[in-house]
Amino acid sequence: MHRTRQLLQSCLTRTRPSLLAKSSRAFSTPSIASCLANYPATKITTLPNGLRVATEPGVGETATVGVWIDVGSRMENAKNNGVAHFLEHIFFKGTPRRSRRSLEMEVENFGGHLNAYTARDHQVFHCQVGARHIPNAVDLLADMLLHSNITKASVESERDTILKETRSVDGMLDEVIFDRLHETAFRNQPLGRTILGSPENILTLTQQDLLDFHSSFFTASRMVVCGVGAVEHDHLVELAQKHFGNVPTVDKNVKFVPATFTGSDLRVRYDAMPQAIVAMAFPIAGNLDPDVYPLMVLQTMLGSWNSAWPGGEFSASSLVSTIASERLCKSISTFNTPYRDTGLFGVHLTTEEPELLPRLMEVVMRELTAMSYHVDSQRLHEARNTVCMSMLAQMDGNTKIADELGKQLLFLGRRVHPMEAVARLEAVDAAAVQAAARRFLHDRDFALAAIGPIASLPDYQWLRRRTTWKAAETSEGGFQKARRRATM
């Protein structure tokens, strides 16, 4: 235990000294402390061209190896929006060395599982394999990412596939609402555009568009090669040098443009829809901000609920208990989505009784505002434990760990040791949560997107006024008085 505390203090000294005063209560459970104290060290090597290689050992005879790339829809413009996702598809079409069929068969033959995804701010390609097939996986990943057949024929053949995917996603309204939320929150900016791109863009993107984007962003300084599990660090470094060592170092005319939040709303009224869907969010400061951990706790304190879950009316969350007891909606969830320099914190809800939207939004705004004035200590303790268990769950499985490792190196520039993460979480007290709520939720503009029968959804100014209710008005009686004053 003494060694655990020494490691903790060393870790915190390198990061945020103010946490040291509160670290005495960290790791109150000896089994967790012992587990984290023995967590394997992360090894990181930077190749001469700037590409980073990171590994964490694990038990068993399998590993996840992959490439995390600082590229996504946020790096696109209005003309080529959708190009990063288009490239993801093209990478699976084959290379001069491997046809599409032989690529798929090779993965099957060595018992691997190849997967990829594109996000707004990063792109990932990873492969789960047995330890002896790690060289095969790295060779295959490098061949896909660096030597794919980005030809006119492959581009044309993939358009229909992507258009079908776009139409499929358009039918998933819970996905659409978040695209609309980003669109109104970051108007006319890359972060506000969709990952898939508009159908018009998908139809007009050319081979040269894909080649230009690939040469501009798929550079060594934007790439991290990660291996987790039965992988030796020096071996992976050798493989990365062999297959990625010639990747260009410097981006070509690439400049990071900070996002600017716009307080606004985007409403699509469609009375024939069976339910109304609403998402509203406040801007937050991003991955590197000190309030990232208080916001995690705040999100958990507010909670989530679905009408199919029993017992919601007995929830420790006032938001959930009120909504569940009054059956104000079908589901509600709180989300916290940080990016490099900004992010969105808010609620997403669906209701099959749109006439209840005024009362529902009253409750939502009341509970969001209340966190700026009072934080229940018992609820705070429970929320911290919940977030802690969620963090530890991310250590379950090579692929989860690899994804967390890759993203941390891209966005934070380092690996956050689980001991540090839990210590930072344990240091979150009521004052920290309240300060974060006042900083981001109190008297702040927000973005809102709504789809469906939303005629009764209160307007923007009605909601905006309710970000400033005073502490005395967050009780039910005071709340009703405030409502009457606000509607005068």
Protein backbone atom coordinates (compact mmCIF):
# COMPACT_ATOMS: atom_id res chain seq x y z
CA MET A 1 0.00 0.00 0.00
CA HIS A 2 2.94 2.30 0.78
CA ARG A 3 4.26 1.70 -2.76
CA THR A 4 0.82 2.48 -4.15
CA ARG A 5 0.74 5.85 -2.41
CA GLN A 6 4.29 6.63 -3.55
CA LEU A 7 3.32 5.91 -7.15
CA LEU A 8 0.17 7.97 -6.74
CA GLN A 9 2.03 10.96 -5.34
CA SER A 10 4.67 10.74 -8.07
CA CYS A 11 1.94 10.56 -10.70
CA LEU A 12 0.05 13.53 -9.30
CA THR A 13 3.17 15.64 -8.85
CA ARG A 14 3.70 15.44 -12.60
CA THR A 15 0.17 16.55 -13.33
CA ARG A 16 -1.89 18.65 -10.93
CA PRO A 17 -0.34 19.48 -7.53
CA SER A 18 -3.65 20.61 -6.05
CA LEU A 19 -4.80 17.01 -6.10
CA LEU A 20 -2.14 16.01 -3.56
CA ALA A 21 -4.07 17.58 -0.71
CA LYS A 22 -7.05 15.35 -1.48
CA SER A 23 -5.21 12.18 -2.46
CA SER A 24 -5.34 10.78 1.09
CA ARG A 25 -8.82 9.41 0.48
CA ALA A 26 -7.91 7.89 -2.93
CA PHE A 27 -7.98 4.11 -3.25
CA SER A 28 -10.01 3.46 -0.13
CA THR A 29 -10.52 -0.11 -1.40
CA PRO A 30 -7.23 -2.04 -1.01
CA SER A 31 -8.05 -4.49 -3.81
CA ILE A 32 -8.45 -1.65 -6.31
CA ALA A 33 -5.27 0.00 -5.08
CA SER A 34 -3.36 -3.27 -5.42
CA CYS A 35 -4.75 -3.83 -8.90
CA LEU A 36 -3.83 -0.36 -10.11
CA ALA A 37 -0.40 -0.46 -8.47
CA ASN A 38 0.40 -3.56 -10.51
CA TYR A 39 -1.04 -2.23 -13.74
CA PRO A 40 1.51 -2.83 -16.52
CA ALA A 41 3.60 0.11 -17.62
CA THR A 42 3.02 1.73 -20.99
CA LYS A 43 6.05 1.91 -23.27
CA ILE A 44 6.18 4.63 -25.93
CA THR A 45 8.78 5.09 -28.66
CA THR A 46 8.85 7.82 -31.28
CA LEU A 47 10.29 6.81 -34.65
CA PRO A 48 12.64 9.17 -36.53
CA ASN A 49 9.76 10.32 -38.73
CA GLY A 50 7.62 11.28 -35.72
CA LEU A 51 5.28 8.28 -35.63
CA ARG A 52 4.66 7.02 -32.09
CA VAL A 53 4.57 3.36 -31.09
CA ALA A 54 2.91 2.42 -27.78
CA THR A 55 2.41 -0.93 -26.08
CA GLU A 56 0.89 -2.33 -22.91
CA PRO A 57 1.40 -6.01 -22.05
CA GLY A 58 -1.47 -8.24 -21.06
CA VAL A 59 -2.31 -11.83 -20.18
CA GLY A 60 -3.09 -14.52 -22.72
CA GLU A 61 -1.81 -15.21 -26.21
CA THR A 62 -3.77 -12.64 -28.19
CA ALA A 63 -3.21 -8.97 -28.93
CA THR A 64 -4.89 -5.98 -30.51
CA VAL A 65 -2.67 -3.95 -32.81
CA GLY A 66 -3.84 -0.93 -34.72
CA VAL A 67 -3.28 2.55 -36.03
CA TRP A 68 -4.95 5.62 -34.50
CA ILE A 69 -4.91 8.65 -36.78
CA ASP A 70 -5.55 12.32 -36.04
CA VAL A 71 -7.99 12.70 -38.92
CA GLY A 72 -11.75 12.81 -39.30
CA SER A 73 -14.64 14.86 -40.58
CA ARG A 74 -13.40 17.84 -38.57
CA MET A 75 -10.43 18.11 -40.93
CA GLU A 76 -12.69 18.39 -43.98
CA ASN A 77 -14.21 21.42 -45.70
CA ALA A 78 -17.63 22.03 -47.21
CA LYS A 79 -16.53 20.68 -50.59
CA ASN A 80 -14.91 17.41 -49.47
CA ASN A 81 -17.05 16.66 -46.39
CA GLY A 82 -17.33 12.87 -46.16
CA VAL A 83 -13.91 12.16 -47.67
CA ALA A 84 -12.40 10.62 -44.50
CA HIS A 85 -15.23 8.11 -44.22
CA PHE A 86 -15.02 7.48 -47.98
CA LEU A 87 -11.33 6.65 -47.57
CA GLU A 88 -12.17 4.21 -44.78
CA HIS A 89 -14.25 2.27 -47.31
CA ILE A 90 -11.58 2.47 -50.00
CA PHE A 91 -8.92 1.05 -47.67
CA PHE A 92 -10.83 -2.24 -47.66
CA LYS A 93 -11.00 -2.41 -51.47
CA GLY A 94 -7.51 -3.85 -51.88
CA THR A 95 -3.94 -2.87 -52.72
CA PRO A 96 -1.46 -3.75 -55.49
CA ARG A 97 -0.31 -6.64 -53.27
CA ARG A 98 -3.74 -7.77 -52.07
CA SER A 99 -7.08 -7.85 -53.82
CA ARG A 100 -10.18 -7.22 -51.74
CA ARG A 101 -10.87 -10.94 -51.60
CA SER A 102 -7.31 -11.92 -50.71
CA LEU A 103 -7.25 -9.24 -47.97
CA GLU A 104 -10.38 -10.71 -46.40
CA MET A 105 -9.13 -14.28 -46.77
CA GLU A 106 -5.76 -13.41 -45.23
CA VAL A 107 -7.42 -12.04 -42.12
CA GLU A 108 -9.58 -15.15 -41.86
CA ASN A 109 -6.61 -17.46 -42.42
CA PHE A 110 -4.64 -16.11 -39.49
CA GLY A 111 -7.76 -16.02 -37.33
CA GLY A 112 -7.88 -12.28 -36.97
CA HIS A 113 -10.66 -9.76 -36.66
CA LEU A 114 -10.19 -6.51 -38.61
CA ASN A 115 -12.26 -3.44 -37.85
CA ALA A 116 -12.28 0.33 -38.40
CA TYR A 117 -14.28 3.44 -37.62
CA THR A 118 -14.26 7.14 -38.47
CA ALA A 119 -15.19 9.82 -35.93
CA ARG A 120 -15.30 13.59 -36.11
CA ASP A 121 -11.77 13.93 -34.75
CA HIS A 122 -10.01 10.59 -35.32
CA GLN A 123 -9.92 7.42 -37.36
CA VAL A 124 -9.01 3.92 -36.21
CA PHE A 125 -7.97 0.67 -37.90
CA HIS A 126 -7.21 -2.28 -35.64
CA CYS A 127 -6.83 -6.03 -35.78
CA GLN A 128 -7.24 -8.67 -33.07
CA VAL A 129 -4.81 -11.55 -33.64
CA GLY A 130 -2.84 -14.32 -31.98
CA ALA A 131 0.61 -13.26 -30.83
CA ARG A 132 2.46 -15.05 -33.63
CA HIS A 133 0.43 -13.23 -36.28
CA ILE A 134 1.25 -9.69 -35.10
CA PRO A 135 3.74 -9.23 -38.02
CA ASN A 136 0.98 -10.22 -40.46
CA ALA A 137 -1.43 -7.73 -38.92
CA VAL A 138 1.03 -4.80 -39.00
CA ASP A 139 1.99 -5.60 -42.60
CA LEU A 140 -1.68 -5.75 -43.61
CA LEU A 141 -2.62 -2.52 -41.82
CA ALA A 142 0.30 -0.64 -43.37
CA ASP A 143 -0.53 -1.95 -46.82
CA MET A 144 -4.17 -0.86 -46.47
CA LEU A 145 -3.45 2.62 -45.14
CA LEU A 146 -0.46 3.50 -47.30
CA HIS A 147 -0.92 1.61 -50.57
CA SER A 148 -4.66 1.19 -51.16
CA ASN A 149 -6.03 1.26 -54.69
CA ILE A 150 -7.44 4.78 -54.66
CA THR A 151 -8.44 4.54 -58.30
CA LYS A 152 -11.30 6.01 -60.28
CA ALA A 153 -12.83 2.54 -60.53
CA SER A 154 -12.69 1.89 -56.78
CA VAL A 155 -14.13 5.32 -56.02
CA GLU A 156 -17.03 4.85 -58.42
CA SER A 157 -17.79 1.33 -57.19
CA GLU A 158 -17.98 2.47 -53.57
CA ARG A 159 -20.36 5.41 -54.03
CA ASP A 160 -23.52 3.31 -53.96
CA THR A 161 -22.39 1.47 -50.83
CA ILE A 162 -21.82 4.72 -48.96
CA LEU A 163 -25.09 6.21 -50.20
CA LYS A 164 -26.92 3.13 -48.89
CA GLU A 165 -25.21 3.55 -45.55
CA THR A 166 -26.23 7.23 -45.50
CA ARG A 167 -29.86 6.35 -46.18
CA SER A 168 -29.73 3.71 -43.46
CA VAL A 169 -28.39 6.20 -40.91
CA ASP A 170 -31.03 8.75 -41.97
CA GLY A 171 -33.61 6.31 -40.65
CA MET A 172 -31.92 6.17 -37.24
CA LEU A 173 -33.32 9.33 -35.69
CA ASP A 174 -31.29 9.03 -32.50
CA GLU A 175 -28.19 9.30 -34.74
CA VAL A 176 -29.67 12.08 -36.86
CA ILE A 177 -30.50 14.24 -33.84
CA PHE A 178 -26.84 14.40 -32.82
CA ASP A 179 -25.80 15.36 -36.33
CA ARG A 180 -28.36 18.15 -36.24
CA LEU A 181 -27.16 19.16 -32.77
CA HIS A 182 -23.57 19.51 -34.01
CA GLU A 183 -24.81 21.35 -37.08
CA THR A 184 -26.53 24.04 -35.03
CA ALA A 185 -23.88 24.16 -32.29
CA PHE A 186 -20.99 24.66 -34.74
CA ARG A 187 -22.67 26.36 -37.67
CA ASN A 188 -20.80 26.45 -40.98
CA GLN A 189 -17.76 24.80 -39.40
CA PRO A 190 -16.11 21.40 -39.94
CA LEU A 191 -17.12 20.14 -36.49
CA GLY A 192 -20.75 20.83 -37.39
CA ARG A 193 -20.72 18.64 -40.49
CA THR A 194 -21.66 14.97 -40.60
CA ILE A 195 -19.12 12.16 -40.65
CA LEU A 196 -20.71 10.43 -43.66
CA GLY A 197 -21.01 13.62 -45.72
CA SER A 198 -24.03 14.82 -47.65
CA PRO A 199 -25.40 12.73 -50.54
CA GLU A 200 -24.39 15.56 -52.88
CA ASN A 201 -20.78 15.34 -51.71
CA ILE A 202 -20.70 11.57 -51.91
CA LEU A 203 -21.84 11.80 -55.53
CA THR A 204 -19.26 14.43 -56.47
CA LEU A 205 -16.09 13.40 -54.57
CA THR A 206 -13.36 12.49 -57.04
CA GLN A 207 -10.31 10.29 -57.01
CA GLN A 208 -8.16 13.42 -56.72
CA ASP A 209 -10.14 14.61 -53.68
CA LEU A 210 -9.32 11.35 -51.90
CA LEU A 211 -5.66 11.39 -52.97
CA ASP A 212 -5.20 14.99 -51.82
CA PHE A 213 -6.81 14.33 -48.45
CA HIS A 214 -4.78 11.16 -47.95
CA SER A 215 -1.45 12.84 -48.73
CA SER A 216 -2.30 15.82 -46.49
CA PHE A 217 -3.41 14.02 -43.34
CA PHE A 218 -2.00 10.48 -43.34
CA THR A 219 1.39 11.59 -42.06
CA ALA A 220 3.64 10.18 -39.36
CA SER A 221 3.09 12.99 -36.85
CA ARG A 222 -0.65 12.25 -36.88
CA MET A 223 -0.31 8.47 -36.44
CA VAL A 224 0.01 6.25 -33.38
CA VAL A 225 0.64 2.50 -33.68
CA CYS A 226 -0.62 0.70 -30.58
CA GLY A 227 -0.32 -2.87 -29.38
CA VAL A 228 -1.99 -4.29 -26.27
CA GLY A 229 -1.82 -7.85 -25.00
CA ALA A 230 0.75 -10.47 -25.97
CA VAL A 231 3.01 -7.99 -27.73
CA GLU A 232 6.67 -7.13 -27.14
CA HIS A 233 7.42 -3.44 -27.40
CA ASP A 234 10.76 -3.69 -29.22
CA HIS A 235 9.26 -6.11 -31.72
CA LEU A 236 6.36 -3.77 -32.51
CA VAL A 237 8.79 -0.85 -32.85
CA GLU A 238 10.79 -2.87 -35.41
CA LEU A 239 7.63 -3.73 -37.32
CA ALA A 240 6.44 -0.12 -37.28
CA GLN A 241 9.81 1.12 -38.51
CA LYS A 242 9.77 -1.45 -41.29
CA HIS A 243 6.25 -0.72 -42.51
CA PHE A 244 5.64 2.91 -41.48
CA GLY A 245 9.17 4.30 -41.34
CA ASN A 246 8.88 5.98 -44.72
CA VAL A 247 5.62 7.79 -43.99
CA PRO A 248 6.13 11.56 -44.50
CA THR A 249 6.70 13.48 -41.28
CA VAL A 250 5.08 16.88 -41.80
CA ASP A 251 1.49 17.72 -42.73
CA LYS A 252 0.98 19.59 -45.99
CA ASN A 253 -0.60 23.00 -45.39
CA VAL A 254 -2.71 21.66 -42.53
CA LYS A 255 -3.80 24.15 -39.87
CA PHE A 256 -5.91 23.39 -36.83
CA VAL A 257 -8.93 25.70 -36.69
CA PRO A 258 -10.54 26.03 -33.24
CA ALA A 259 -14.29 25.57 -33.18
CA THR A 260 -16.65 28.41 -32.30
CA PHE A 261 -19.88 27.53 -30.52
CA THR A 262 -23.15 29.16 -31.60
CA GLY A 263 -26.07 29.32 -29.22
CA SER A 264 -28.99 28.41 -31.47
CA ASP A 265 -31.60 25.79 -32.24
CA LEU A 266 -32.65 23.70 -35.22
CA ARG A 267 -36.20 22.37 -35.22
CA VAL A 268 -37.86 20.06 -37.73
CA ARG A 269 -41.56 19.84 -36.98
CA TYR A 270 -43.20 16.70 -38.30
CA ASP A 271 -46.51 16.03 -36.58
CA ALA A 272 -47.00 12.60 -38.20
CA MET A 273 -44.03 11.17 -36.32
CA PRO A 274 -44.96 8.93 -33.35
CA GLN A 275 -42.48 10.59 -30.99
CA ALA A 276 -40.58 13.81 -30.45
CA ILE A 277 -36.79 13.71 -30.10
CA VAL A 278 -34.87 16.55 -28.46
CA ALA A 279 -31.16 17.05 -27.79
CA MET A 280 -29.79 20.14 -26.10
CA ALA A 281 -26.19 20.83 -25.11
CA PHE A 282 -23.95 23.45 -23.55
CA PRO A 283 -20.38 24.00 -24.77
CA ILE A 284 -17.54 22.63 -22.63
CA ALA A 285 -13.80 23.23 -22.80
CA GLY A 286 -12.35 19.98 -24.17
CA ASN A 287 -10.15 17.00 -23.29
CA LEU A 288 -7.30 18.96 -21.72
CA ASP A 289 -9.43 21.08 -19.41
CA PRO A 290 -9.20 20.49 -15.61
CA ASP A 291 -12.99 20.18 -15.39
CA VAL A 292 -13.10 17.01 -17.49
CA TYR A 293 -13.43 14.83 -14.35
CA PRO A 294 -16.04 16.99 -12.55
CA LEU A 295 -18.10 16.86 -15.75
CA MET A 296 -17.93 13.05 -15.75
CA VAL A 297 -19.30 13.03 -12.21
CA LEU A 298 -21.91 15.67 -13.04
CA GLN A 299 -23.13 13.61 -15.98
CA THR A 300 -23.54 10.55 -13.78
CA MET A 301 -25.28 12.52 -11.03
CA LEU A 302 -27.89 13.75 -13.50
CA GLY A 303 -28.36 10.20 -14.74
CA SER A 304 -30.29 8.44 -17.49
CA TRP A 305 -33.58 6.58 -17.62
CA ASN A 306 -35.76 4.51 -19.92
CA SER A 307 -39.44 3.77 -19.35
CA ALA A 308 -38.66 0.05 -19.73
CA TRP A 309 -36.47 0.20 -16.60
CA PRO A 310 -38.36 -0.38 -13.33
CA GLY A 311 -37.82 1.73 -10.23
CA GLY A 312 -36.89 5.02 -11.86
CA GLU A 313 -39.05 6.96 -9.42
CA PHE A 314 -36.75 5.80 -6.60
CA SER A 315 -33.56 6.96 -8.32
CA ALA A 316 -31.06 9.05 -6.37
CA SER A 317 -31.07 11.41 -9.34
CA SER A 318 -33.72 14.09 -8.87
CA LEU A 319 -33.94 14.48 -12.64
CA VAL A 320 -34.65 10.79 -13.17
CA SER A 321 -36.98 10.35 -10.19
CA THR A 322 -39.15 13.33 -11.18
CA ILE A 323 -39.40 12.32 -14.82
CA ALA A 324 -40.04 8.66 -13.99
CA SER A 325 -42.68 9.35 -11.34
CA GLU A 326 -44.56 11.72 -13.66
CA ARG A 327 -43.90 9.58 -16.76
CA LEU A 328 -42.85 12.68 -18.67
CA CYS A 329 -40.95 10.91 -21.44
CA LYS A 330 -39.99 7.56 -22.91
CA SER A 331 -36.26 7.97 -22.27
CA ILE A 332 -33.71 10.55 -21.22
CA SER A 333 -29.93 10.38 -21.12
CA THR A 334 -27.16 12.78 -20.20
CA PHE A 335 -24.15 12.95 -22.50
CA ASN A 336 -20.68 14.43 -22.22
CA THR A 337 -18.74 14.62 -25.50
CA PRO A 338 -15.35 16.34 -25.26
CA TYR A 339 -13.16 17.16 -28.28
CA ARG A 340 -9.69 18.67 -28.41
CA ASP A 341 -10.71 22.28 -27.74
CA THR A 342 -14.44 22.16 -27.10
CA GLY A 343 -17.28 19.72 -26.56
CA LEU A 344 -20.95 19.28 -25.79
CA PHE A 345 -22.62 18.47 -22.47
CA GLY A 346 -26.36 17.99 -22.39
CA VAL A 347 -29.43 15.80 -22.45
CA HIS A 348 -31.12 13.70 -25.10
CA LEU A 349 -34.76 12.70 -24.70
CA THR A 350 -37.64 11.08 -26.54
CA THR A 351 -41.33 11.30 -25.75
CA GLU A 352 -44.48 9.81 -27.23
CA GLU A 353 -46.57 12.47 -25.49
CA PRO A 354 -45.37 15.75 -26.97
CA GLU A 355 -48.00 17.72 -25.04
CA LEU A 356 -45.84 17.05 -21.96
CA LEU A 357 -42.80 18.80 -23.46
CA PRO A 358 -43.31 22.08 -21.51
CA ARG A 359 -43.36 20.29 -18.17
CA LEU A 360 -40.52 17.98 -19.23
CA MET A 361 -38.28 20.87 -20.23
CA GLU A 362 -39.15 22.69 -16.99
CA VAL A 363 -37.81 19.73 -15.02
CA VAL A 364 -34.71 19.41 -17.21
CA MET A 365 -33.80 23.08 -16.91
CA ARG A 366 -34.50 23.10 -13.19
CA GLU A 367 -32.22 20.16 -12.51
CA LEU A 368 -29.43 21.43 -14.73
CA THR A 369 -29.55 24.82 -13.01
CA ALA A 370 -29.80 23.33 -9.52
CA MET A 371 -26.35 21.75 -9.87
CA SER A 372 -24.86 25.25 -9.88
CA TYR A 373 -26.16 25.88 -6.35
CA HIS A 374 -26.22 22.59 -4.46
CA VAL A 375 -24.58 19.18 -4.84
CA ASP A 376 -25.80 16.32 -2.67
CA SER A 377 -22.81 14.67 -0.97
CA GLN A 378 -24.28 11.16 -0.95
CA ARG A 379 -25.24 11.34 -4.60
CA LEU A 380 -21.76 12.68 -5.36
CA HIS A 381 -20.15 9.71 -3.60
CA GLU A 382 -22.30 7.24 -5.53
CA ALA A 383 -21.59 8.97 -8.84
CA ARG A 384 -17.83 8.92 -8.24
CA ASN A 385 -17.98 5.18 -7.57
CA THR A 386 -20.01 4.63 -10.73
CA VAL A 387 -17.56 6.57 -12.89
CA CYS A 388 -14.65 4.74 -11.25
CA MET A 389 -16.17 1.35 -12.09
CA SER A 390 -16.79 2.53 -15.63
CA MET A 391 -13.12 3.50 -15.93
CA LEU A 392 -11.99 0.14 -14.62
CA ALA A 393 -14.31 -1.60 -17.08
CA GLN A 394 -12.28 0.02 -19.87
CA MET A 395 -9.38 -2.12 -18.69
CA ASP A 396 -11.32 -5.26 -19.56
CA GLY A 397 -10.13 -6.49 -22.96
CA ASN A 398 -7.21 -5.69 -25.23
CA THR A 399 -9.28 -3.79 -27.79
CA LYS A 400 -10.86 -1.44 -25.21
CA ILE A 401 -7.47 -0.70 -23.69
CA ALA A 402 -5.88 -0.16 -27.10
CA ASP A 403 -8.62 2.26 -28.12
CA GLU A 404 -8.22 4.26 -24.90
CA LEU A 405 -4.43 4.25 -25.25
CA GLY A 406 -4.53 5.40 -28.88
CA LYS A 407 -7.00 8.21 -28.24
CA GLN A 408 -5.13 9.48 -25.19
CA LEU A 409 -1.89 9.72 -27.14
CA LEU A 410 -3.65 11.58 -29.96
CA PHE A 411 -5.56 14.05 -27.81
CA LEU A 412 -3.53 14.33 -24.59
CA GLY A 413 -0.07 13.48 -25.87
CA ARG A 414 0.46 10.92 -23.13
CA ARG A 415 -1.01 7.86 -21.43
CA VAL A 416 -3.11 8.62 -18.35
CA HIS A 417 -2.26 5.88 -15.87
CA PRO A 418 -5.38 4.37 -14.23
CA MET A 419 -3.97 5.39 -10.83
CA GLU A 420 -3.92 8.99 -11.94
CA ALA A 421 -7.41 8.78 -13.43
CA VAL A 422 -8.91 7.34 -10.23
CA ALA A 423 -6.99 9.84 -8.07
CA ARG A 424 -8.30 12.73 -10.16
CA LEU A 425 -11.79 11.29 -9.85
CA GLU A 426 -11.48 10.85 -6.07
CA ALA A 427 -10.40 14.50 -5.85
CA VAL A 428 -13.71 15.68 -7.31
CA ASP A 429 -15.73 17.13 -4.43
CA ALA A 430 -19.02 19.01 -4.26
CA ALA A 431 -17.30 22.35 -4.79
CA ALA A 432 -15.64 21.09 -7.98
CA VAL A 433 -18.92 19.79 -9.44
CA GLN A 434 -20.74 22.98 -8.49
CA ALA A 435 -17.99 25.13 -10.01
CA ALA A 436 -18.11 23.14 -13.25
CA ALA A 437 -21.91 23.48 -13.39
CA ARG A 438 -21.70 27.24 -12.86
CA ARG A 439 -18.95 27.53 -15.46
CA PHE A 440 -20.72 25.62 -18.22
CA LEU A 441 -24.46 25.44 -17.43
CA HIS A 442 -25.41 28.56 -15.49
CA ASP A 443 -26.56 31.55 -17.54
CA ARG A 444 -25.05 30.12 -20.74
CA ASP A 445 -26.22 29.88 -24.32
CA PHE A 446 -26.89 26.35 -25.53
CA ALA A 447 -27.65 24.49 -28.74
CA LEU A 448 -30.85 22.54 -29.30
CA ALA A 449 -32.02 20.17 -32.03
CA ALA A 450 -35.53 18.74 -32.17
CA ILE A 451 -37.41 16.49 -34.60
CA GLY A 452 -41.03 15.34 -34.66
CA PRO A 453 -44.30 16.68 -33.20
CA ILE A 454 -42.64 19.53 -31.34
CA ALA A 455 -45.25 22.29 -31.61
CA SER A 456 -45.43 22.52 -27.80
CA LEU A 457 -41.66 22.59 -27.27
CA PRO A 458 -40.84 25.91 -25.53
CA ASP A 459 -38.90 28.40 -27.61
CA TYR A 460 -35.22 29.21 -27.19
CA GLN A 461 -35.65 32.31 -25.05
CA TRP A 462 -38.07 30.51 -22.72
CA LEU A 463 -35.40 27.89 -22.09
CA ARG A 464 -32.54 30.39 -21.99
CA ARG A 465 -34.17 32.34 -19.15
CA ARG A 466 -34.28 29.15 -17.11
CA THR A 467 -30.51 28.81 -17.02
CA THR A 468 -30.43 31.55 -14.35
CA TRP A 469 -32.91 30.38 -11.72
CA LYS A 470 -31.67 31.03 -8.21
CA ALA A 471 -31.06 28.37 -5.59
CA ALA A 472 -34.26 29.18 -3.72
CA GLU A 473 -36.22 28.68 -6.89
CA THR A 474 -34.99 25.14 -7.48
CA SER A 475 -37.40 23.74 -4.92
CA GLU A 476 -40.77 22.78 -6.36
CA GLY A 477 -42.59 25.72 -4.77
CA GLY A 478 -39.97 28.26 -5.73
CA PHE A 479 -39.82 26.67 -9.13
CA GLN A 480 -43.49 27.29 -9.77
CA LYS A 481 -43.12 30.94 -8.67
CA ALA A 482 -40.14 31.37 -10.99
CA ARG A 483 -42.13 29.89 -13.83
CA ARG A 484 -44.94 32.36 -13.33
CA ARG A 485 -42.49 35.29 -13.25
CA ALA A 486 -40.68 34.06 -16.36
CA THR A 487 -43.88 33.80 -18.35
CA MET A 488 -45.11 37.26 -17.43
